[in-house]
Amino acid sequence: MSRLQLALSVADLKESVDFYIKVFGVEPHKIREGYANFEISELPLKLVLIEVGAEARGHGPAGALNHLGVEE
């Protein structure tokens, strides 16, 4: 089954992980320094969070999209 991969650049990984746990009701599939991903089978979606320093990432939606893809 194919699924969409959505990778976001986030300034605070822990805060973002906590937020998406509440949104999707699932724990991350993988967590390592500066990186986490969620495999959400109901959508199907793989959400990837990549920590990028606040000064490099910027504010608001600008700079938030890291990459998109389709996994097979």
PDB file of N, CA and C in Angstrom:
ATOM      1  N   MET A   1       0.838  -1.177   0.000  1.00  0.00           N
ATOM      2  CA  MET A   1       0.000   0.000   0.000  1.00  0.00           C
ATOM      3  C   MET A   1       0.887   1.247   0.000  1.00  0.00           C
ATOM      4  N   SER A   2       0.585   2.189  -0.841  1.00  0.00           N
ATOM      5  CA  SER A   2       1.322   3.451  -0.895  1.00  0.00           C
ATOM      6  C   SER A   2       0.837   4.384   0.206  1.00  0.00           C
ATOM      7  N   ARG A   3       1.713   5.277   0.611  1.00  0.00           N
ATOM      8  CA  ARG A   3       1.316   6.307   1.577  1.00  0.00           C
ATOM      9  C   ARG A   3       2.097   7.580   1.295  1.00  0.00           C
ATOM     10  N   LEU A   4       1.504   8.677   1.670  1.00  0.00           N
ATOM     11  CA  LEU A   4       2.128   9.978   1.531  1.00  0.00           C
ATOM     12  C   LEU A   4       3.140  10.168   2.646  1.00  0.00           C
ATOM     13  N   GLN A   5       4.298  10.710   2.301  1.00  0.00           N
ATOM     14  CA  GLN A   5       5.273  11.097   3.313  1.00  0.00           C
ATOM     15  C   GLN A   5       5.318  12.616   3.343  1.00  0.00           C
ATOM     16  N   LEU A   6       5.089  13.175   4.512  1.00  0.00           N
ATOM     17  CA  LEU A   6       5.122  14.617   4.733  1.00  0.00           C
ATOM     18  C   LEU A   6       6.201  14.892   5.761  1.00  0.00           C
ATOM     19  N   ALA A   7       7.243  15.595   5.358  1.00  0.00           N
ATOM     20  CA  ALA A   7       8.346  15.915   6.263  1.00  0.00           C
ATOM     21  C   ALA A   7       8.320  17.403   6.576  1.00  0.00           C
ATOM     22  N   LEU A   8       8.293  17.709   7.860  1.00  0.00           N
ATOM     23  CA  LEU A   8       8.232  19.092   8.319  1.00  0.00           C
ATOM     24  C   LEU A   8       9.494  19.459   9.082  1.00  0.00           C
ATOM     25  N   SER A   9       9.978  20.663   8.857  1.00  0.00           N
ATOM     26  CA  SER A   9      11.070  21.214   9.652  1.00  0.00           C
ATOM     27  C   SER A   9      10.444  21.889  10.871  1.00  0.00           C
ATOM     28  N   VAL A  10      10.908  21.513  12.052  1.00  0.00           N
ATOM     29  CA  VAL A  10      10.351  22.058  13.289  1.00  0.00           C
ATOM     30  C   VAL A  10      11.471  22.642  14.137  1.00  0.00           C
ATOM     31  N   ALA A  11      11.157  23.698  14.863  1.00  0.00           N
ATOM     32  CA  ALA A  11      12.163  24.349  15.703  1.00  0.00           C
ATOM     33  C   ALA A  11      12.363  23.608  17.027  1.00  0.00           C
ATOM     34  N   ASP A  12      11.320  22.947  17.537  1.00  0.00           N
ATOM     35  CA  ASP A  12      11.386  22.254  18.831  1.00  0.00           C
ATOM     36  C   ASP A  12      10.797  20.858  18.646  1.00  0.00           C
ATOM     37  N   LEU A  13      11.651  19.854  18.542  1.00  0.00           N
ATOM     38  CA  LEU A  13      11.200  18.495  18.253  1.00  0.00           C
ATOM     39  C   LEU A  13      10.295  17.961  19.355  1.00  0.00           C
ATOM     40  N   LYS A  14      10.670  18.107  20.611  1.00  0.00           N
ATOM     41  CA  LYS A  14       9.858  17.567  21.705  1.00  0.00           C
ATOM     42  C   LYS A  14       8.463  18.176  21.705  1.00  0.00           C
ATOM     43  N   GLU A  15       8.384  19.484  21.569  1.00  0.00           N
ATOM     44  CA  GLU A  15       7.082  20.158  21.533  1.00  0.00           C
ATOM     45  C   GLU A  15       6.246  19.665  20.352  1.00  0.00           C
ATOM     46  N   SER A  16       6.871  19.497  19.218  1.00  0.00           N
ATOM     47  CA  SER A  16       6.162  19.032  18.022  1.00  0.00           C
ATOM     48  C   SER A  16       5.695  17.589  18.168  1.00  0.00           C
ATOM     49  N   VAL A  17       6.546  16.722  18.722  1.00  0.00           N
ATOM     50  CA  VAL A  17       6.156  15.331  18.953  1.00  0.00           C
ATOM     51  C   VAL A  17       4.958  15.281  19.894  1.00  0.00           C
ATOM     52  N   ASP A  18       5.008  16.025  20.981  1.00  0.00           N
ATOM     53  CA  ASP A  18       3.882  16.062  21.923  1.00  0.00           C
ATOM     54  C   ASP A  18       2.600  16.521  21.230  1.00  0.00           C
ATOM     55  N   PHE A  19       2.702  17.525  20.376  1.00  0.00           N
ATOM     56  CA  PHE A  19       1.537  18.036  19.651  1.00  0.00           C
ATOM     57  C   PHE A  19       0.939  16.951  18.745  1.00  0.00           C
ATOM     58  N   TYR A  20       1.781  16.279  17.953  1.00  0.00           N
ATOM     59  CA  TYR A  20       1.268  15.294  17.001  1.00  0.00           C
ATOM     60  C   TYR A  20       0.794  14.009  17.684  1.00  0.00           C
ATOM     61  N   ILE A  21       1.314  13.686  18.850  1.00  0.00           N
ATOM     62  CA  ILE A  21       0.752  12.577  19.630  1.00  0.00           C
ATOM     63  C   ILE A  21      -0.704  12.888  19.960  1.00  0.00           C
ATOM     64  N   LYS A  22      -0.973  14.130  20.364  1.00  0.00           N
ATOM     65  CA  LYS A  22      -2.350  14.534  20.682  1.00  0.00           C
ATOM     66  C   LYS A  22      -3.225  14.563  19.430  1.00  0.00           C
ATOM     67  N   VAL A  23      -2.702  15.059  18.328  1.00  0.00           N
ATOM     68  CA  VAL A  23      -3.483  15.175  17.091  1.00  0.00           C
ATOM     69  C   VAL A  23      -3.871  13.801  16.553  1.00  0.00           C
ATOM     70  N   PHE A  24      -2.896  12.889  16.452  1.00  0.00           N
ATOM     71  CA  PHE A  24      -3.140  11.601  15.805  1.00  0.00           C
ATOM     72  C   PHE A  24      -3.430  10.458  16.781  1.00  0.00           C
ATOM     73  N   GLY A  25      -3.161  10.657  18.062  1.00  0.00           N
ATOM     74  CA  GLY A  25      -3.427   9.621  19.050  1.00  0.00           C
ATOM     75  C   GLY A  25      -2.518   8.414  18.950  1.00  0.00           C
ATOM     76  N   VAL A  26      -1.332   8.593  18.384  1.00  0.00           N
ATOM     77  CA  VAL A  26      -0.346   7.510  18.284  1.00  0.00           C
ATOM     78  C   VAL A  26       1.020   8.032  18.720  1.00  0.00           C
ATOM     79  N   GLU A  27       1.838   7.109  19.207  1.00  0.00           N
ATOM     80  CA  GLU A  27       3.216   7.440  19.569  1.00  0.00           C
ATOM     81  C   GLU A  27       4.083   7.418  18.310  1.00  0.00           C
ATOM     82  N   PRO A  28       5.210   8.109  18.328  1.00  0.00           N
ATOM     83  CA  PRO A  28       6.111   8.065  17.173  1.00  0.00           C
ATOM     84  C   PRO A  28       6.600   6.643  16.907  1.00  0.00           C
ATOM     85  N   HIS A  29       6.793   6.339  15.640  1.00  0.00           N
ATOM     86  CA  HIS A  29       7.339   5.046  15.225  1.00  0.00           C
ATOM     87  C   HIS A  29       8.846   4.995  15.501  1.00  0.00           C
ATOM     88  N   LYS A  30       9.534   6.113  15.221  1.00  0.00           N
ATOM     89  CA  LYS A  30      10.977   6.234  15.463  1.00  0.00           C
ATOM     90  C   LYS A  30      11.269   7.606  16.039  1.00  0.00           C
ATOM     91  N   ILE A  31      12.217   7.633  16.977  1.00  0.00           N
ATOM     92  CA  ILE A  31      12.725   8.905  17.498  1.00  0.00           C
ATOM     93  C   ILE A  31      14.238   8.765  17.627  1.00  0.00           C
ATOM     94  N   ARG A  32      14.947   9.750  17.114  1.00  0.00           N
ATOM     95  CA  ARG A  32      16.376   9.865  17.367  1.00  0.00           C
ATOM     96  C   ARG A  32      16.700  11.352  17.458  1.00  0.00           C
ATOM     97  N   GLU A  33      17.912  11.675  17.777  1.00  0.00           N
ATOM     98  CA  GLU A  33      18.257  13.081  17.972  1.00  0.00           C
ATOM     99  C   GLU A  33      17.922  13.895  16.727  1.00  0.00           C
ATOM    100  N   GLY A  34      17.049  14.891  16.910  1.00  0.00           N
ATOM    101  CA  GLY A  34      16.687  15.787  15.822  1.00  0.00           C
ATOM    102  C   GLY A  34      15.706  15.221  14.812  1.00  0.00           C
ATOM    103  N   TYR A  35      15.113  14.033  15.098  1.00  0.00           N
ATOM    104  CA  TYR A  35      14.275  13.359  14.108  1.00  0.00           C
ATOM    105  C   TYR A  35      13.219  12.497  14.800  1.00  0.00           C
ATOM    106  N   ALA A  36      12.030  12.525  14.257  1.00  0.00           N
ATOM    107  CA  ALA A  36      10.967  11.615  14.701  1.00  0.00           C
ATOM    108  C   ALA A  36      10.060  11.343  13.512  1.00  0.00           C
ATOM    109  N   ASN A  37       9.443  10.154  13.511  1.00  0.00           N
ATOM    110  CA  ASN A  37       8.429   9.919  12.491  1.00  0.00           C
ATOM    111  C   ASN A  37       7.249   9.165  13.078  1.00  0.00           C
ATOM    112  N   PHE A  38       6.104   9.427  12.506  1.00  0.00           N
ATOM    113  CA  PHE A  38       4.852   8.781  12.887  1.00  0.00           C
ATOM    114  C   PHE A  38       4.352   8.012  11.680  1.00  0.00           C
ATOM    115  N   GLU A  39       3.943   6.777  11.874  1.00  0.00           N
ATOM    116  CA  GLU A  39       3.305   6.000  10.817  1.00  0.00           C
ATOM    117  C   GLU A  39       1.823   5.924  11.166  1.00  0.00           C
ATOM    118  N   ILE A  40       1.023   6.628  10.398  1.00  0.00           N
ATOM    119  CA  ILE A  40      -0.404   6.760  10.681  1.00  0.00           C
ATOM    120  C   ILE A  40      -1.159   5.966   9.622  1.00  0.00           C
ATOM    121  N   SER A  41      -1.575   4.767   9.977  1.00  0.00           N
ATOM    122  CA  SER A  41      -2.150   3.847   8.992  1.00  0.00           C
ATOM    123  C   SER A  41      -3.544   4.263   8.532  1.00  0.00           C
ATOM    124  N   GLU A  42      -4.292   4.974   9.340  1.00  0.00           N
ATOM    125  CA  GLU A  42      -5.654   5.344   8.968  1.00  0.00           C
ATOM    126  C   GLU A  42      -5.709   6.337   7.811  1.00  0.00           C
ATOM    127  N   LEU A  43      -4.642   7.071   7.536  1.00  0.00           N
ATOM    128  CA  LEU A  43      -4.721   8.135   6.524  1.00  0.00           C
ATOM    129  C   LEU A  43      -4.350   7.718   5.096  1.00  0.00           C
ATOM    130  N   PRO A  44      -3.479   6.945   4.667  1.00  0.00           N
ATOM    131  CA  PRO A  44      -2.188   6.519   5.198  1.00  0.00           C
ATOM    132  C   PRO A  44      -1.137   7.631   5.044  1.00  0.00           C
ATOM    133  N   LEU A  45      -0.405   7.854   6.114  1.00  0.00           N
ATOM    134  CA  LEU A  45       0.543   8.968   6.166  1.00  0.00           C
ATOM    135  C   LEU A  45       1.755   8.592   6.995  1.00  0.00           C
ATOM    136  N   LYS A  46       2.919   8.974   6.515  1.00  0.00           N
ATOM    137  CA  LYS A  46       4.131   8.943   7.323  1.00  0.00           C
ATOM    138  C   LYS A  46       4.522  10.399   7.544  1.00  0.00           C
ATOM    139  N   LEU A  47       4.415  10.845   8.783  1.00  0.00           N
ATOM    140  CA  LEU A  47       4.768  12.211   9.151  1.00  0.00           C
ATOM    141  C   LEU A  47       6.164  12.202   9.735  1.00  0.00           C
ATOM    142  N   VAL A  48       7.048  12.978   9.134  1.00  0.00           N
ATOM    143  CA  VAL A  48       8.438  13.060   9.567  1.00  0.00           C
ATOM    144  C   VAL A  48       8.684  14.460  10.117  1.00  0.00           C
ATOM    145  N   LEU A  49       9.291  14.535  11.298  1.00  0.00           N
ATOM    146  CA  LEU A  49       9.647  15.812  11.911  1.00  0.00           C
ATOM    147  C   LEU A  49      11.166  15.897  11.982  1.00  0.00           C
ATOM    148  N   ILE A  50      11.716  16.966  11.430  1.00  0.00           N
ATOM    149  CA  ILE A  50      13.161  17.173  11.415  1.00  0.00           C
ATOM    150  C   ILE A  50      13.444  18.479  12.131  1.00  0.00           C
ATOM    151  N   GLU A  51      14.208  18.388  13.215  1.00  0.00           N
ATOM    152  CA  GLU A  51      14.495  19.589  14.005  1.00  0.00           C
ATOM    153  C   GLU A  51      15.503  20.471  13.274  1.00  0.00           C
ATOM    154  N   VAL A  52      15.124  21.721  13.096  1.00  0.00           N
ATOM    155  CA  VAL A  52      15.955  22.729  12.448  1.00  0.00           C
ATOM    156  C   VAL A  52      15.957  23.926  13.386  1.00  0.00           C
ATOM    157  N   GLY A  53      17.104  24.499  13.652  1.00  0.00           N
ATOM    158  CA  GLY A  53      17.176  25.634  14.553  1.00  0.00           C
ATOM    159  C   GLY A  53      16.193  26.734  14.169  1.00  0.00           C
ATOM    160  N   ALA A  54      15.651  27.408  15.176  1.00  0.00           N
ATOM    161  CA  ALA A  54      14.630  28.436  14.952  1.00  0.00           C
ATOM    162  C   ALA A  54      15.102  29.511  13.979  1.00  0.00           C
ATOM    163  N   GLU A  55      16.367  29.893  14.054  1.00  0.00           N
ATOM    164  CA  GLU A  55      16.867  30.940  13.156  1.00  0.00           C
ATOM    165  C   GLU A  55      16.919  30.462  11.708  1.00  0.00           C
ATOM    166  N   ALA A  56      17.180  29.179  11.491  1.00  0.00           N
ATOM    167  CA  ALA A  56      17.203  28.640  10.138  1.00  0.00           C
ATOM    168  C   ALA A  56      15.804  28.330   9.621  1.00  0.00           C
ATOM    169  N   ARG A  57      14.915  27.931  10.518  1.00  0.00           N
ATOM    170  CA  ARG A  57      13.571  27.529  10.124  1.00  0.00           C
ATOM    171  C   ARG A  57      12.659  28.718   9.866  1.00  0.00           C
ATOM    172  N   GLY A  58      12.796  29.787  10.624  1.00  0.00           N
ATOM    173  CA  GLY A  58      11.909  30.934  10.483  1.00  0.00           C
ATOM    174  C   GLY A  58      10.640  30.757  11.301  1.00  0.00           C
ATOM    175  N   HIS A  59       9.648  31.596  11.041  1.00  0.00           N
ATOM    176  CA  HIS A  59       8.402  31.579  11.812  1.00  0.00           C
ATOM    177  C   HIS A  59       7.225  31.308  10.890  1.00  0.00           C
ATOM    178  N   GLY A  60       6.174  30.766  11.466  1.00  0.00           N
ATOM    179  CA  GLY A  60       4.977  30.499  10.688  1.00  0.00           C
ATOM    180  C   GLY A  60       5.205  29.401   9.667  1.00  0.00           C
ATOM    181  N   PRO A  61       4.393  29.360   8.612  1.00  0.00           N
ATOM    182  CA  PRO A  61       4.498  28.274   7.639  1.00  0.00           C
ATOM    183  C   PRO A  61       5.727  28.355   6.729  1.00  0.00           C
ATOM    184  N   ALA A  62       6.319  29.549   6.597  1.00  0.00           N
ATOM    185  CA  ALA A  62       7.503  29.687   5.736  1.00  0.00           C
ATOM    186  C   ALA A  62       8.628  28.813   6.283  1.00  0.00           C
ATOM    187  N   GLY A  63       9.155  27.951   5.464  1.00  0.00           N
ATOM    188  CA  GLY A  63      10.261  27.092   5.870  1.00  0.00           C
ATOM    189  C   GLY A  63       9.835  25.814   6.578  1.00  0.00           C
ATOM    190  N   ALA A  64       8.540  25.618   6.802  1.00  0.00           N
ATOM    191  CA  ALA A  64       8.083  24.435   7.538  1.00  0.00           C
ATOM    192  C   ALA A  64       8.128  23.165   6.701  1.00  0.00           C
ATOM    193  N   LEU A  65       7.832  23.254   5.404  1.00  0.00           N
ATOM    194  CA  LEU A  65       7.826  22.067   4.560  1.00  0.00           C
ATOM    195  C   LEU A  65       9.259  21.672   4.220  1.00  0.00           C
ATOM    196  N   ASN A  66       9.637  20.481   4.627  1.00  0.00           N
ATOM    197  CA  ASN A  66      10.971  19.980   4.325  1.00  0.00           C
ATOM    198  C   ASN A  66      10.947  19.225   3.006  1.00  0.00           C
ATOM    199  N   HIS A  67      10.053  18.240   2.893  1.00  0.00           N
ATOM    200  CA  HIS A  67       9.874  17.531   1.627  1.00  0.00           C
ATOM    201  C   HIS A  67       8.592  16.698   1.652  1.00  0.00           C
ATOM    202  N   LEU A  68       8.147  16.317   0.463  1.00  0.00           N
ATOM    203  CA  LEU A  68       6.987  15.440   0.270  1.00  0.00           C
ATOM    204  C   LEU A  68       7.424  14.238  -0.536  1.00  0.00           C
ATOM    205  N   GLY A  69       6.738  13.135  -0.351  1.00  0.00           N
ATOM    206  CA  GLY A  69       7.048  11.956  -1.146  1.00  0.00           C
ATOM    207  C   GLY A  69       5.927  10.940  -1.069  1.00  0.00           C
ATOM    208  N   VAL A  70       6.053   9.900  -1.854  1.00  0.00           N
ATOM    209  CA  VAL A  70       5.125   8.776  -1.813  1.00  0.00           C
ATOM    210  C   VAL A  70       5.958   7.530  -1.580  1.00  0.00           C
ATOM    211  N   GLU A  71       5.607   6.782  -0.555  1.00  0.00           N
ATOM    212  CA  GLU A  71       6.280   5.519  -0.262  1.00  0.00           C
ATOM    213  C   GLU A  71       5.430   4.373  -0.778  1.00  0.00           C
ATOM    214  N   GLU A  72       6.084   3.379  -1.329  1.00  0.00           N
ATOM    215  CA  GLU A  72       5.355   2.204  -1.823  1.00  0.00           C
ATOM    216  C   GLU A  72       5.700   1.009  -1.005  1.00  0.00           C
TER     217      GLU A  72
END
